[in-house]
Amino acid sequence: MMNQGQYPGMQGQFPGQQPGFQPIVCPTQYRYNDCFTTQEIPYIHPIVNVNRHNVVGVPQHYYTESTQDVMGSTFMPGTGPGMGPGVGPWGGGGCGRRRGRCCR
């Protein structure tokens, strides 16, 4: 049996206690000393890189070329244009496109 004026686990009386009074034991109180530790929470931000291929029209000029043979005027020997001394089919004349040859 517990002695009058004694606290369980303690020997003797509390300071200032009068003889003959029993101590009142209150409910246990808890004193928390909170410590905090960081923990990363991942936030994922998806990014899509889009390579856009845009077409820009750039003028590119192409030329078609054709050759036509047409019949010109008829000249009598010695009377046509460019006919003079030493000029003619045998003297270095011709139609002018290819020296010494006819246009065909």
N, C-alpha and C. Protein backbone atom coordinates (compact mmCIF):
# COMPACT_ATOMS: atom_id res chain seq x y z
N MET A 1 0.84 -1.18 0.00
CA MET A 1 0.00 0.00 0.00
C MET A 1 0.87 1.23 0.00
N MET A 2 0.37 2.26 -0.69
CA MET A 2 1.14 3.47 -0.84
C MET A 2 1.06 4.29 0.44
N ASN A 3 2.21 4.87 0.81
CA ASN A 3 2.23 5.73 1.99
C ASN A 3 1.51 7.02 1.69
N GLN A 4 0.89 7.55 2.70
CA GLN A 4 0.18 8.80 2.54
C GLN A 4 1.18 9.91 2.23
N GLY A 5 0.88 10.71 1.16
CA GLY A 5 1.76 11.81 0.78
C GLY A 5 2.86 11.42 -0.17
N GLN A 6 2.82 10.20 -0.64
CA GLN A 6 3.85 9.77 -1.58
C GLN A 6 3.26 9.67 -2.99
N TYR A 7 4.06 10.01 -3.99
CA TYR A 7 3.69 9.91 -5.39
C TYR A 7 4.22 8.59 -5.89
N PRO A 8 3.47 7.85 -6.71
CA PRO A 8 3.98 6.56 -7.19
C PRO A 8 5.31 6.75 -7.92
N GLY A 9 6.26 5.96 -7.56
CA GLY A 9 7.57 6.04 -8.18
C GLY A 9 8.46 7.07 -7.52
N MET A 10 7.95 7.82 -6.58
CA MET A 10 8.74 8.84 -5.89
C MET A 10 8.81 8.45 -4.40
N GLN A 11 9.88 8.77 -3.80
CA GLN A 11 10.04 8.50 -2.37
C GLN A 11 9.86 9.80 -1.60
N GLY A 12 9.14 9.77 -0.52
CA GLY A 12 8.98 10.94 0.32
C GLY A 12 7.82 11.79 -0.12
N GLN A 13 7.74 12.98 0.44
CA GLN A 13 6.65 13.90 0.15
C GLN A 13 7.11 14.97 -0.82
N PHE A 14 6.11 15.61 -1.49
CA PHE A 14 6.42 16.71 -2.40
C PHE A 14 6.72 17.95 -1.58
N PRO A 15 7.54 18.84 -2.09
CA PRO A 15 7.83 20.06 -1.34
C PRO A 15 6.56 20.87 -1.09
N GLY A 16 6.34 21.35 0.07
CA GLY A 16 5.20 22.17 0.41
C GLY A 16 3.96 21.37 0.74
N GLN A 17 4.03 20.01 0.72
CA GLN A 17 2.86 19.18 0.98
C GLN A 17 2.60 19.12 2.50
N GLN A 18 1.36 19.28 2.85
CA GLN A 18 0.96 19.18 4.27
C GLN A 18 0.76 17.71 4.62
N PRO A 19 1.12 17.30 5.80
CA PRO A 19 0.89 15.92 6.18
C PRO A 19 -0.59 15.59 6.23
N GLY A 20 -0.95 14.41 5.67
CA GLY A 20 -2.31 13.95 5.72
C GLY A 20 -3.08 14.14 4.43
N PHE A 21 -2.57 14.80 3.44
CA PHE A 21 -3.28 14.98 2.17
C PHE A 21 -2.69 14.07 1.10
N GLN A 22 -3.56 13.43 0.38
CA GLN A 22 -3.13 12.53 -0.70
C GLN A 22 -2.96 13.36 -1.98
N PRO A 23 -1.84 13.19 -2.73
CA PRO A 23 -1.69 13.93 -3.99
C PRO A 23 -2.70 13.46 -5.03
N ILE A 24 -3.10 14.36 -5.90
CA ILE A 24 -4.02 14.05 -6.99
C ILE A 24 -3.17 13.90 -8.26
N VAL A 25 -3.30 12.77 -8.92
CA VAL A 25 -2.55 12.51 -10.15
C VAL A 25 -3.45 12.85 -11.33
N CYS A 26 -3.02 13.84 -12.08
CA CYS A 26 -3.77 14.29 -13.28
C CYS A 26 -3.45 13.37 -14.45
N PRO A 27 -4.33 13.40 -15.48
CA PRO A 27 -4.02 12.59 -16.68
C PRO A 27 -2.69 13.02 -17.32
N THR A 28 -2.05 12.06 -17.92
CA THR A 28 -0.75 12.32 -18.54
C THR A 28 -0.91 13.30 -19.70
N GLN A 29 -0.04 14.27 -19.74
CA GLN A 29 -0.01 15.22 -20.86
C GLN A 29 1.18 14.86 -21.74
N TYR A 30 0.98 15.04 -23.03
CA TYR A 30 2.06 14.74 -23.98
C TYR A 30 2.56 16.05 -24.55
N ARG A 31 3.82 16.22 -24.55
CA ARG A 31 4.46 17.39 -25.11
C ARG A 31 5.19 16.93 -26.38
N TYR A 32 4.73 17.47 -27.52
CA TYR A 32 5.30 17.05 -28.81
C TYR A 32 6.37 18.04 -29.25
N ASN A 33 7.46 17.52 -29.66
CA ASN A 33 8.52 18.32 -30.26
C ASN A 33 8.53 17.93 -31.75
N ASP A 34 7.84 18.73 -32.57
CA ASP A 34 7.70 18.38 -33.99
C ASP A 34 8.97 18.71 -34.77
N CYS A 35 9.41 17.75 -35.51
CA CYS A 35 10.53 17.93 -36.43
C CYS A 35 9.99 17.68 -37.83
N PHE A 36 10.49 18.44 -38.77
CA PHE A 36 9.98 18.32 -40.14
C PHE A 36 11.12 17.94 -41.08
N THR A 37 10.81 17.06 -42.01
CA THR A 37 11.75 16.64 -43.03
C THR A 37 11.10 16.88 -44.38
N THR A 38 11.88 17.42 -45.31
CA THR A 38 11.31 17.70 -46.64
C THR A 38 11.26 16.41 -47.46
N GLN A 39 10.25 16.33 -48.27
CA GLN A 39 10.11 15.22 -49.21
C GLN A 39 9.60 15.82 -50.51
N GLU A 40 10.30 15.52 -51.59
CA GLU A 40 9.92 16.07 -52.89
C GLU A 40 8.64 15.44 -53.39
N ILE A 41 7.78 16.28 -53.95
CA ILE A 41 6.56 15.81 -54.60
C ILE A 41 6.73 16.13 -56.08
N PRO A 42 6.81 15.12 -56.93
CA PRO A 42 7.04 15.40 -58.35
C PRO A 42 5.83 16.04 -59.02
N TYR A 43 6.07 17.14 -59.71
CA TYR A 43 5.08 17.78 -60.57
C TYR A 43 5.59 17.58 -61.99
N ILE A 44 4.89 16.81 -62.77
CA ILE A 44 5.34 16.48 -64.12
C ILE A 44 4.66 17.43 -65.10
N HIS A 45 5.47 18.12 -65.90
CA HIS A 45 4.98 19.05 -66.92
C HIS A 45 5.41 18.51 -68.29
N PRO A 46 4.55 17.77 -68.98
CA PRO A 46 4.94 17.25 -70.30
C PRO A 46 5.12 18.38 -71.32
N ILE A 47 6.18 18.31 -72.09
CA ILE A 47 6.46 19.27 -73.15
C ILE A 47 6.66 18.48 -74.44
N VAL A 48 5.96 18.88 -75.49
CA VAL A 48 6.10 18.25 -76.80
C VAL A 48 6.76 19.26 -77.72
N ASN A 49 7.92 18.93 -78.26
CA ASN A 49 8.59 19.77 -79.23
C ASN A 49 8.07 19.41 -80.62
N VAL A 50 7.50 20.38 -81.30
CA VAL A 50 6.89 20.14 -82.61
C VAL A 50 7.73 20.88 -83.65
N ASN A 51 8.27 20.13 -84.60
CA ASN A 51 9.00 20.73 -85.72
C ASN A 51 8.01 20.94 -86.85
N ARG A 52 7.64 22.18 -87.06
CA ARG A 52 6.68 22.49 -88.11
C ARG A 52 7.43 22.79 -89.40
N HIS A 53 7.09 22.08 -90.45
CA HIS A 53 7.70 22.28 -91.76
C HIS A 53 6.72 23.08 -92.60
N ASN A 54 7.02 24.33 -92.81
CA ASN A 54 6.16 25.22 -93.57
C ASN A 54 6.69 25.36 -94.99
N VAL A 55 5.80 25.37 -95.95
CA VAL A 55 6.18 25.49 -97.35
C VAL A 55 5.96 26.93 -97.78
N VAL A 56 7.02 27.53 -98.31
CA VAL A 56 6.95 28.90 -98.81
C VAL A 56 7.20 28.84 -100.31
N GLY A 57 6.26 29.37 -101.07
CA GLY A 57 6.40 29.37 -102.53
C GLY A 57 7.45 30.36 -103.00
N VAL A 58 8.42 29.88 -103.76
CA VAL A 58 9.48 30.72 -104.32
C VAL A 58 9.40 30.59 -105.84
N PRO A 59 9.26 31.72 -106.54
CA PRO A 59 9.16 31.63 -108.00
C PRO A 59 10.42 31.01 -108.62
N GLN A 60 10.22 30.05 -109.45
CA GLN A 60 11.31 29.43 -110.21
C GLN A 60 10.87 29.44 -111.67
N HIS A 61 11.58 30.17 -112.49
CA HIS A 61 11.18 30.37 -113.89
C HIS A 61 11.84 29.31 -114.78
N TYR A 62 11.02 28.69 -115.60
CA TYR A 62 11.49 27.71 -116.58
C TYR A 62 11.07 28.21 -117.95
N TYR A 63 11.92 28.03 -118.89
CA TYR A 63 11.63 28.49 -120.26
C TYR A 63 11.67 27.28 -121.18
N THR A 64 10.68 27.19 -122.06
CA THR A 64 10.70 26.17 -123.10
C THR A 64 11.15 26.83 -124.38
N GLU A 65 11.88 26.11 -125.14
CA GLU A 65 12.42 26.66 -126.39
C GLU A 65 12.08 25.70 -127.52
N SER A 66 11.65 26.26 -128.63
CA SER A 66 11.35 25.44 -129.81
C SER A 66 11.91 26.16 -131.04
N THR A 67 12.09 25.40 -132.08
CA THR A 67 12.60 25.93 -133.34
C THR A 67 11.58 25.63 -134.43
N GLN A 68 11.28 26.64 -135.24
CA GLN A 68 10.35 26.46 -136.35
C GLN A 68 11.06 26.81 -137.65
N ASP A 69 10.85 26.00 -138.65
CA ASP A 69 11.34 26.28 -140.00
C ASP A 69 10.18 26.86 -140.80
N VAL A 70 10.35 28.09 -141.25
CA VAL A 70 9.33 28.73 -142.07
C VAL A 70 9.95 29.11 -143.41
N MET A 71 9.11 29.20 -144.39
CA MET A 71 9.59 29.55 -145.73
C MET A 71 9.64 31.07 -145.86
N GLY A 72 10.77 31.58 -146.25
CA GLY A 72 10.93 33.02 -146.44
C GLY A 72 10.74 33.40 -147.91
N SER A 73 11.21 34.55 -148.25
CA SER A 73 11.11 35.05 -149.64
C SER A 73 12.06 34.28 -150.55
N THR A 74 11.73 34.25 -151.80
CA THR A 74 12.56 33.60 -152.79
C THR A 74 13.37 34.67 -153.52
N PHE A 75 14.68 34.45 -153.59
CA PHE A 75 15.57 35.42 -154.27
C PHE A 75 16.23 34.73 -155.44
N MET A 76 16.42 35.48 -156.43
CA MET A 76 17.13 34.98 -157.60
C MET A 76 18.63 35.10 -157.32
N PRO A 77 19.42 34.22 -157.90
CA PRO A 77 20.86 34.27 -157.66
C PRO A 77 21.43 35.66 -157.95
N GLY A 78 22.21 36.15 -156.94
CA GLY A 78 22.87 37.44 -157.13
C GLY A 78 22.01 38.63 -156.79
N THR A 79 20.78 38.42 -156.32
CA THR A 79 19.91 39.56 -156.02
C THR A 79 19.43 39.59 -154.57
N GLY A 80 19.73 38.56 -153.73
CA GLY A 80 19.21 38.50 -152.35
C GLY A 80 19.97 39.41 -151.40
N PRO A 81 19.48 39.53 -150.22
CA PRO A 81 20.14 40.37 -149.22
C PRO A 81 21.49 39.78 -148.83
N GLY A 82 22.46 40.62 -148.60
CA GLY A 82 23.79 40.19 -148.23
C GLY A 82 24.56 39.58 -149.37
N MET A 83 24.07 39.71 -150.58
CA MET A 83 24.77 39.13 -151.72
C MET A 83 25.65 40.21 -152.32
N GLY A 84 26.88 39.95 -152.25
CA GLY A 84 27.84 40.87 -152.86
C GLY A 84 29.05 40.07 -153.30
N PRO A 85 30.14 40.73 -153.67
CA PRO A 85 31.33 39.98 -154.09
C PRO A 85 31.87 39.12 -152.95
N GLY A 86 32.00 37.85 -153.16
CA GLY A 86 32.57 36.92 -152.19
C GLY A 86 31.59 36.48 -151.10
N VAL A 87 30.33 36.82 -151.27
CA VAL A 87 29.34 36.44 -150.26
C VAL A 87 28.39 35.47 -150.92
N GLY A 88 27.96 34.42 -150.17
CA GLY A 88 27.06 33.42 -150.71
C GLY A 88 27.37 32.09 -150.07
N PRO A 89 26.68 31.06 -150.53
CA PRO A 89 26.88 29.77 -149.90
C PRO A 89 28.31 29.28 -149.99
N TRP A 90 29.03 29.67 -151.02
CA TRP A 90 30.41 29.19 -151.18
C TRP A 90 31.41 30.24 -150.76
N GLY A 91 30.99 31.39 -150.40
CA GLY A 91 31.94 32.45 -150.05
C GLY A 91 31.88 32.83 -148.59
N GLY A 92 31.36 31.96 -147.68
CA GLY A 92 31.34 32.28 -146.26
C GLY A 92 30.05 32.91 -145.79
N GLY A 93 29.06 33.05 -146.65
CA GLY A 93 27.78 33.64 -146.26
C GLY A 93 26.92 32.63 -145.54
N GLY A 94 25.66 32.77 -145.62
CA GLY A 94 24.73 31.83 -145.00
C GLY A 94 23.62 32.60 -144.31
N CYS A 95 22.91 31.94 -143.44
CA CYS A 95 21.78 32.59 -142.80
C CYS A 95 22.18 33.37 -141.55
N GLY A 96 23.41 33.22 -141.08
CA GLY A 96 23.87 34.02 -139.96
C GLY A 96 23.87 33.29 -138.62
N ARG A 97 23.13 32.23 -138.47
CA ARG A 97 23.15 31.54 -137.18
C ARG A 97 24.40 30.70 -137.04
N ARG A 98 24.69 29.91 -138.04
CA ARG A 98 25.89 29.09 -138.01
C ARG A 98 26.71 29.44 -139.24
N ARG A 99 27.82 29.99 -139.02
CA ARG A 99 28.64 30.50 -140.14
C ARG A 99 29.06 29.31 -141.03
N GLY A 100 28.79 29.48 -142.28
CA GLY A 100 29.20 28.47 -143.27
C GLY A 100 28.17 27.37 -143.45
N ARG A 101 27.10 27.36 -142.70
CA ARG A 101 26.09 26.33 -142.87
C ARG A 101 24.72 26.99 -142.94
N CYS A 102 23.81 26.29 -143.46
CA CYS A 102 22.44 26.80 -143.52
C CYS A 102 21.75 26.53 -142.17
N CYS A 103 20.60 27.07 -141.96
CA CYS A 103 19.91 27.00 -140.67
C CYS A 103 19.40 25.63 -140.30
N ARG A 104 19.37 24.69 -141.24
CA ARG A 104 18.79 23.39 -140.91
C ARG A 104 19.73 22.55 -140.14
